Amino acid sequence: MSKTKAPVNPLVQQTRRRISPGIIVVIVLVLALGAGVGVQYWRGHSKVEVSSNGRPEPTVITGPGQAGKGVTVGQAGAKAHIDLYLDFRCPHCAEFEEATGATVDKLVQDGTATLTYWPLGFVNPDASPRLANAFAAAAANGKALSFADEMYGDFSKSWTTDQLMELGKQLGIGDAKFQQAVQDNTYAGWLDSVSKASDDRGVTGTPTVYVNDKQLDADQLTAEGLQKAVDAIAS
């Protein structure tokens, strides 16, 4: 025989089970950790897709490996010269690339200016030098500008060694020599010399930009500001 449940008296406050705040915090932390792991996995395993393959690549005038000298691309004899001190893990450098990349590419392509990359390792002591080394390996194969643009174009990627080698392959430089340079950190000594040269010049952060040896102010680090600085030299 079933028992009849006693009616609830609306005038009496009912006792309810409460979830401990500590349990809530643990649940939130577990969910956040799971999401973080998922994002990190995606960053390191997402597919490499290039947008610049097949476009004209500026000539590498000065390749990597010359102590204390950056990688210079463009047409020899250009009146204007842009020095770009950058870090491939620097979010502000990625913003600068997004804002001015098309302008820089045009100035280099039409012979108005040459561009010298000075890759540094300010931001991430592990990833920054690794990406800079891969850039140097790409520059040695004539793909400096495209490789740099692609790494910044998908800044959310971790750009693991495998992803870097796949990027090289898609840009047409995925041979054994390139892969070996990426894996063996071949350009570490050269990168140290670039870092010393930047210190000697007084560079303390990225991005830092010079046009014909004159450093641009922060408010000039725009497409318009860069164009005006170059026009003042080239016109």
Protein backbone atom coordinates (compact mmCIF):
# COMPACT_ATOMS: atom_id res chain seq x y z
CA MET A 1 0.00 0.00 0.00
CA SER A 2 1.49 3.34 -1.07
CA LYS A 3 1.84 6.17 1.36
CA THR A 4 0.26 9.50 0.64
CA LYS A 5 2.81 12.33 0.60
CA ALA A 6 2.02 14.96 3.18
CA PRO A 7 0.97 18.30 1.66
CA VAL A 8 3.54 21.06 1.68
CA ASN A 9 2.75 23.88 4.01
CA PRO A 10 3.40 27.10 2.01
CA LEU A 11 4.01 28.97 5.25
CA VAL A 12 6.99 26.82 6.19
CA GLN A 13 10.30 27.47 4.40
CA GLN A 14 11.45 24.29 2.76
CA THR A 15 15.00 23.02 3.23
CA ARG A 16 16.88 22.70 -0.07
CA ARG A 17 20.24 21.22 -0.86
CA ARG A 18 22.76 23.91 -1.76
CA ILE A 19 25.76 23.39 -4.00
CA SER A 20 28.94 24.38 -2.24
CA PRO A 21 30.67 27.47 -3.75
CA GLY A 22 33.84 25.41 -3.74
CA ILE A 23 32.24 22.81 -6.00
CA ILE A 24 31.08 25.54 -8.40
CA VAL A 25 34.60 26.95 -8.58
CA VAL A 26 36.03 23.50 -9.32
CA ILE A 27 33.47 22.91 -12.07
CA VAL A 28 34.25 26.28 -13.68
CA LEU A 29 37.99 25.60 -13.52
CA VAL A 30 37.58 22.17 -15.09
CA LEU A 31 35.47 23.59 -17.92
CA ALA A 32 37.96 26.42 -18.49
CA LEU A 33 40.88 24.00 -18.49
CA GLY A 34 39.10 21.76 -20.97
CA ALA A 35 38.39 24.71 -23.25
CA GLY A 36 42.00 25.89 -22.98
CA VAL A 37 43.33 22.46 -23.89
CA GLY A 38 40.96 22.35 -26.86
CA VAL A 39 42.07 25.74 -28.12
CA GLN A 40 45.74 24.86 -27.71
CA TYR A 41 45.23 21.60 -29.60
CA TRP A 42 43.51 23.46 -32.43
CA ARG A 43 46.29 26.06 -32.59
CA GLY A 44 48.91 23.34 -32.97
CA HIS A 45 46.98 21.08 -35.35
CA SER A 46 44.90 23.38 -37.55
CA LYS A 47 45.39 23.07 -41.27
CA VAL A 48 47.91 25.31 -43.04
CA GLU A 49 46.31 27.24 -45.88
CA VAL A 50 48.20 29.91 -47.81
CA SER A 51 46.79 32.94 -49.58
CA SER A 52 49.96 34.31 -51.19
CA ASN A 53 51.14 31.33 -53.23
CA GLY A 54 51.73 32.27 -56.86
CA ARG A 55 52.09 36.03 -56.38
CA PRO A 56 55.32 37.82 -57.37
CA GLU A 57 58.00 37.50 -54.71
CA PRO A 58 60.46 40.38 -54.24
CA THR A 59 64.12 39.58 -54.76
CA VAL A 60 66.11 38.79 -51.63
CA ILE A 61 68.97 41.31 -51.85
CA THR A 62 70.62 40.33 -48.57
CA GLY A 63 69.88 36.86 -47.33
CA PRO A 64 70.13 35.47 -43.80
CA GLY A 65 73.49 34.47 -42.42
CA GLN A 66 75.46 37.70 -42.72
CA ALA A 67 76.37 38.64 -39.16
CA GLY A 68 74.63 41.77 -37.92
CA LYS A 69 72.60 42.26 -41.12
CA GLY A 70 68.89 41.74 -41.59
CA VAL A 71 67.12 40.18 -44.55
CA THR A 72 66.59 42.79 -47.27
CA VAL A 73 64.08 42.37 -50.10
CA GLY A 74 63.08 44.55 -53.03
CA GLN A 75 64.80 46.23 -55.95
CA ALA A 76 68.35 47.42 -55.50
CA GLY A 77 68.69 51.18 -55.93
CA ALA A 78 65.36 52.16 -54.36
CA LYS A 79 65.51 55.61 -52.78
CA ALA A 80 63.62 54.66 -49.65
CA HIS A 81 64.63 51.97 -47.24
CA ILE A 82 62.43 50.52 -44.49
CA ASP A 83 63.94 48.73 -41.49
CA LEU A 84 61.37 46.60 -39.66
CA TYR A 85 62.26 45.16 -36.25
CA LEU A 86 59.67 42.50 -35.52
CA ASP A 87 58.82 39.45 -33.48
CA PHE A 88 56.71 36.72 -35.05
CA ARG A 89 54.89 36.18 -31.72
CA CYS A 90 54.28 39.87 -31.10
CA PRO A 91 50.54 40.74 -31.30
CA HIS A 92 51.35 44.39 -31.99
CA CYS A 93 53.52 43.30 -34.92
CA ALA A 94 50.57 41.28 -36.22
CA GLU A 95 48.39 44.40 -35.92
CA PHE A 96 51.03 46.44 -37.73
CA GLU A 97 51.17 43.84 -40.51
CA GLU A 98 47.38 43.87 -40.84
CA ALA A 99 47.30 47.67 -40.99
CA THR A 100 50.28 48.29 -43.28
CA GLY A 101 51.06 44.98 -45.01
CA ALA A 102 49.42 45.87 -48.31
CA THR A 103 51.17 49.26 -48.35
CA VAL A 104 54.57 47.76 -47.60
CA ASP A 105 54.13 45.04 -50.22
CA LYS A 106 53.25 47.64 -52.87
CA LEU A 107 56.18 49.91 -51.99
CA VAL A 108 58.56 46.97 -52.28
CA GLN A 109 56.96 45.54 -55.39
CA ASP A 110 57.00 48.77 -57.42
CA GLY A 111 60.60 49.57 -56.48
CA THR A 112 59.81 52.58 -54.29
CA ALA A 113 61.43 51.06 -51.20
CA THR A 114 63.44 48.13 -50.03
CA LEU A 115 62.49 46.35 -46.83
CA THR A 116 64.83 44.84 -44.26
CA TYR A 117 63.47 42.35 -41.76
CA TRP A 118 65.15 42.21 -38.35
CA PRO A 119 63.55 39.19 -36.61
CA LEU A 120 63.87 39.32 -32.82
CA GLY A 121 62.85 37.14 -29.87
CA PHE A 122 61.36 39.57 -27.35
CA VAL A 123 57.97 37.96 -26.74
CA ASN A 124 58.27 34.21 -26.39
CA PRO A 125 61.68 32.70 -25.58
CA ASP A 126 60.71 29.39 -27.17
CA ALA A 127 58.43 30.22 -30.08
CA SER A 128 59.87 33.57 -31.21
CA PRO A 129 63.37 32.26 -32.09
CA ARG A 130 61.91 29.12 -33.64
CA LEU A 131 59.66 31.11 -35.98
CA ALA A 132 62.46 33.56 -36.76
CA ASN A 133 64.71 30.64 -37.71
CA ALA A 134 62.03 29.25 -40.03
CA PHE A 135 61.64 32.69 -41.60
CA ALA A 136 65.39 32.77 -42.23
CA ALA A 137 65.24 29.35 -43.86
CA ALA A 138 62.42 30.58 -46.10
CA ALA A 139 64.32 33.78 -46.93
CA ALA A 140 67.32 31.71 -47.96
CA ASN A 141 64.98 30.10 -50.48
CA GLY A 142 63.64 33.42 -51.79
CA LYS A 143 60.35 33.44 -49.86
CA ALA A 144 60.96 36.01 -47.14
CA LEU A 145 57.94 38.25 -47.68
CA SER A 146 55.38 35.50 -48.33
CA PHE A 147 56.51 33.40 -45.38
CA ALA A 148 56.37 36.37 -43.00
CA ASP A 149 52.98 37.49 -44.32
CA GLU A 150 51.50 34.00 -43.92
CA MET A 151 52.69 33.60 -40.33
CA TYR A 152 51.13 36.91 -39.38
CA GLY A 153 48.07 36.21 -41.53
CA ASP A 154 47.16 33.27 -39.27
CA PHE A 155 48.52 34.60 -36.00
CA SER A 156 46.25 32.34 -33.91
CA LYS A 157 48.27 29.30 -34.97
CA SER A 158 50.99 27.94 -32.70
CA TRP A 159 53.10 27.46 -35.85
CA THR A 160 54.61 24.21 -34.72
CA THR A 161 57.62 22.83 -36.54
CA ASP A 162 55.32 20.61 -38.59
CA GLN A 163 53.12 23.57 -39.52
CA LEU A 164 56.16 25.63 -40.51
CA MET A 165 57.42 22.87 -42.76
CA GLU A 166 53.98 22.50 -44.30
CA LEU A 167 53.90 26.25 -44.95
CA GLY A 168 57.23 26.00 -46.72
CA LYS A 169 55.92 23.10 -48.79
CA GLN A 170 52.86 25.06 -49.87
CA LEU A 171 55.07 28.00 -50.83
CA GLY A 172 57.20 25.70 -52.97
CA ILE A 173 60.23 25.43 -50.68
CA GLY A 174 59.50 22.27 -48.77
CA ASP A 175 62.66 20.43 -49.82
CA ALA A 176 64.93 18.49 -47.48
CA LYS A 177 67.36 21.39 -47.07
CA PHE A 178 64.62 23.77 -45.91
CA GLN A 179 63.16 21.19 -43.53
CA GLN A 180 66.59 20.44 -42.07
CA ALA A 181 67.22 24.15 -41.46
CA VAL A 182 63.89 24.44 -39.64
CA GLN A 183 64.47 21.36 -37.51
CA ASP A 184 68.11 22.06 -36.67
CA ASN A 185 67.70 25.76 -35.82
CA THR A 186 70.38 26.47 -38.40
CA TYR A 187 70.20 30.26 -38.15
CA ALA A 188 70.47 30.58 -34.35
CA GLY A 189 73.90 32.22 -34.54
CA TRP A 190 72.74 34.71 -37.14
CA LEU A 191 69.69 35.57 -35.04
CA ASP A 192 71.96 36.30 -32.08
CA SER A 193 73.92 38.73 -34.26
CA VAL A 194 70.69 40.41 -35.38
CA SER A 195 69.63 40.79 -31.76
CA LYS A 196 72.97 42.38 -30.87
CA ALA A 197 72.73 44.78 -33.84
CA SER A 198 69.25 45.83 -32.70
CA ASP A 199 70.53 46.42 -29.17
CA ASP A 200 73.35 48.54 -30.56
CA ARG A 201 70.78 50.63 -32.40
CA GLY A 202 68.71 51.11 -29.27
CA VAL A 203 65.72 49.01 -30.29
CA THR A 204 63.75 48.12 -27.16
CA GLY A 205 60.48 46.75 -28.51
CA THR A 206 58.56 45.53 -31.52
CA PRO A 207 57.43 46.67 -33.94
CA THR A 208 60.09 49.34 -34.43
CA VAL A 209 60.32 50.94 -37.86
CA TYR A 210 62.93 53.16 -39.48
CA VAL A 211 62.65 54.86 -42.85
CA ASN A 212 66.09 55.86 -44.12
CA ASP A 213 67.50 55.71 -40.59
CA LYS A 214 64.75 57.87 -39.06
CA GLN A 215 62.63 56.05 -36.49
CA LEU A 216 58.89 56.44 -36.90
CA ASP A 217 56.84 57.54 -33.91
CA ALA A 218 54.07 55.29 -32.61
CA ASP A 219 51.38 57.39 -34.29
CA GLN A 220 53.15 56.92 -37.64
CA LEU A 221 52.87 53.14 -37.54
CA THR A 222 49.90 53.19 -39.88
CA ALA A 223 49.56 52.72 -43.62
CA GLU A 224 49.19 56.49 -44.07
CA GLY A 225 52.06 57.32 -41.74
CA LEU A 226 54.41 54.88 -43.42
CA GLN A 227 53.41 56.05 -46.89
CA LYS A 228 54.07 59.70 -45.98
CA ALA A 229 57.47 58.86 -44.52
CA VAL A 230 58.46 57.00 -47.69
CA ASP A 231 57.04 59.69 -49.98
CA ALA A 232 59.16 62.31 -48.22
CA ILE A 233 62.24 60.35 -49.29
CA ALA A 234 61.25 58.99 -52.67
CA SER A 235 59.51 62.06 -54.16
